[in-house]
Amino acid sequence: MKKCLACFVFIFSFVLSAPERLRAGEEFNFISTEELAKGIQDKSLVVVDCNRPETYQNGHIPTALYMNSSVPDAKVLPKDKNANLVFYCKNPKCMASHEGAKFALSQGYTKVRVYPLGIDGWEQAGMRVETK
């Protein structure tokens, strides 16, 4: 019984600490290609590209704003701190989307997710890209 109580306390404290861990940038909620496409279509998401400028110009997810994750600029982000933000970069090995998401959290945004497949995964799924 004592062992089960210790497990319960650990799990309970882990669940309660999730928002703090998220704010610290230790983990992010991910979004799937399907969810992202739906959110773009119904205009419920603000999509932020954290790739290199030339990658963004060569093709980005439709509606995506560009933000350099090395020198993030809060002016790129919407004024509404409750906006549904989705950050992406090149592919699952790239961490620029995580850096952008951490920055948004540090600026007080509360609904921050990462599209881990990046522009490579978006294109591999046969989804349309925009160029600027």
Protein backbone atom coordinates (compact mmCIF):
# COMPACT_ATOMS: atom_id res chain seq x y z
CA MET A 1 0.00 0.00 0.00
CA LYS A 2 2.84 2.38 0.86
CA LYS A 3 4.39 1.79 -2.59
CA CYS A 4 1.08 2.58 -4.35
CA LEU A 5 0.72 5.79 -2.35
CA ALA A 6 4.21 6.88 -3.42
CA CYS A 7 3.31 6.21 -7.06
CA PHE A 8 0.11 8.19 -6.69
CA VAL A 9 1.95 11.14 -5.15
CA PHE A 10 4.55 11.09 -7.95
CA ILE A 11 1.94 10.94 -10.73
CA PHE A 12 -0.23 13.59 -9.07
CA SER A 13 2.73 15.97 -8.67
CA PHE A 14 3.81 15.28 -12.28
CA VAL A 15 0.36 16.20 -13.60
CA LEU A 16 0.15 19.32 -11.44
CA SER A 17 3.55 20.50 -12.60
CA ALA A 18 2.71 20.18 -16.33
CA PRO A 19 1.92 23.90 -16.84
CA GLU A 20 5.19 24.89 -15.18
CA ARG A 21 7.14 22.44 -17.31
CA LEU A 22 5.38 23.76 -20.41
CA ARG A 23 6.22 27.34 -19.46
CA ALA A 24 9.81 26.29 -18.90
CA GLY A 25 9.90 24.93 -22.46
CA GLU A 26 10.60 21.36 -21.46
CA GLU A 27 7.78 19.97 -23.58
CA PHE A 28 5.16 21.23 -26.00
CA ASN A 29 1.80 20.10 -27.18
CA PHE A 30 2.07 18.90 -30.75
CA ILE A 31 -0.44 19.32 -33.54
CA SER A 32 -1.00 16.88 -36.42
CA THR A 33 -1.05 17.71 -40.11
CA GLU A 34 -4.81 17.18 -40.20
CA GLU A 35 -5.46 19.44 -37.20
CA LEU A 36 -3.18 22.11 -38.65
CA ALA A 37 -4.90 22.01 -42.05
CA LYS A 38 -8.32 22.29 -40.39
CA GLY A 39 -7.18 25.20 -38.20
CA ILE A 40 -5.83 27.04 -41.24
CA GLN A 41 -9.05 26.43 -43.14
CA ASP A 42 -11.31 27.64 -40.34
CA LYS A 43 -8.88 30.45 -39.42
CA SER A 44 -8.65 29.36 -35.79
CA LEU A 45 -4.82 29.18 -35.75
CA VAL A 46 -1.97 31.63 -36.13
CA VAL A 47 0.84 29.72 -37.82
CA VAL A 48 4.43 30.88 -37.32
CA ASP A 49 7.35 29.72 -39.48
CA CYS A 50 10.70 29.67 -37.64
CA ASN A 51 12.84 28.53 -40.57
CA ARG A 52 15.64 30.45 -42.23
CA PRO A 53 14.35 33.36 -44.35
CA GLU A 54 15.24 31.63 -47.62
CA THR A 55 13.37 28.48 -46.58
CA TYR A 56 10.29 30.56 -45.79
CA GLN A 57 10.51 32.37 -49.14
CA ASN A 58 10.92 29.09 -51.06
CA GLY A 59 7.72 27.69 -49.57
CA HIS A 60 5.82 27.90 -46.32
CA ILE A 61 2.57 26.65 -44.84
CA PRO A 62 -0.32 28.84 -46.05
CA THR A 63 -1.03 31.88 -43.84
CA ALA A 64 2.25 31.41 -41.93
CA LEU A 65 3.93 34.46 -40.48
CA TYR A 66 7.72 34.53 -40.43
CA MET A 67 9.68 34.88 -37.19
CA ASN A 68 13.41 34.37 -36.87
CA SER A 69 13.78 32.12 -33.82
CA SER A 70 17.36 33.32 -33.26
CA VAL A 71 16.18 36.92 -32.93
CA PRO A 72 12.47 36.63 -32.12
CA ASP A 73 10.28 39.69 -32.42
CA ALA A 74 7.05 39.95 -30.42
CA LYS A 75 5.67 42.35 -33.07
CA VAL A 76 5.23 39.36 -35.39
CA LEU A 77 2.83 37.72 -32.93
CA PRO A 78 -0.82 38.74 -32.52
CA LYS A 79 -1.77 41.14 -29.76
CA ASP A 80 -4.24 38.60 -28.33
CA LYS A 81 -2.28 36.53 -25.78
CA ASN A 82 -5.00 33.84 -25.99
CA ALA A 83 -4.55 33.30 -29.74
CA ASN A 84 -3.95 29.70 -30.80
CA LEU A 85 -0.33 29.73 -31.96
CA VAL A 86 1.41 26.95 -33.89
CA PHE A 87 5.17 27.08 -34.51
CA TYR A 88 7.02 24.97 -37.06
CA CYS A 89 10.43 24.76 -38.69
CA LYS A 90 12.11 22.40 -41.18
CA ASN A 91 11.59 18.87 -39.80
CA PRO A 92 11.51 16.86 -36.54
CA LYS A 93 15.30 17.25 -36.08
CA CYS A 94 15.08 21.04 -36.18
CA MET A 95 14.40 22.78 -32.88
CA ALA A 96 13.76 26.32 -34.15
CA SER A 97 10.00 25.81 -33.69
CA HIS A 98 10.61 24.97 -30.04
CA GLU A 99 12.66 28.14 -29.61
CA GLY A 100 9.86 30.20 -31.16
CA ALA A 101 7.30 28.52 -28.93
CA LYS A 102 9.43 29.15 -25.83
CA PHE A 103 9.66 32.80 -26.80
CA ALA A 104 5.88 33.05 -27.17
CA LEU A 105 5.39 31.50 -23.73
CA SER A 106 7.88 33.98 -22.27
CA GLN A 107 5.79 36.80 -23.76
CA GLY A 108 2.64 35.57 -21.98
CA TYR A 109 0.93 33.59 -24.75
CA THR A 110 -1.10 30.75 -23.30
CA LYS A 111 -2.08 28.54 -26.26
CA VAL A 112 1.18 27.50 -27.86
CA ARG A 113 1.75 24.33 -29.89
CA VAL A 114 4.43 22.94 -32.20
CA TYR A 115 3.98 21.22 -35.56
CA PRO A 116 6.91 18.79 -35.23
CA LEU A 117 6.96 17.54 -38.84
CA GLY A 118 7.83 20.99 -40.14
CA ILE A 119 7.63 22.16 -43.72
CA ASP A 120 9.21 18.88 -44.90
CA GLY A 121 6.42 16.82 -43.31
CA TRP A 122 3.77 19.23 -44.58
CA GLU A 123 5.00 18.84 -48.16
CA GLN A 124 5.46 15.06 -47.81
CA ALA A 125 1.79 14.86 -46.80
CA GLY A 126 0.94 16.47 -50.16
CA MET A 127 -0.18 19.75 -48.64
CA ARG A 128 -0.02 23.05 -50.52
CA VAL A 129 2.67 25.64 -49.79
CA GLU A 130 2.79 29.38 -50.43
CA THR A 131 5.74 31.42 -51.61
CA LYS A 132 6.48 35.10 -51.09
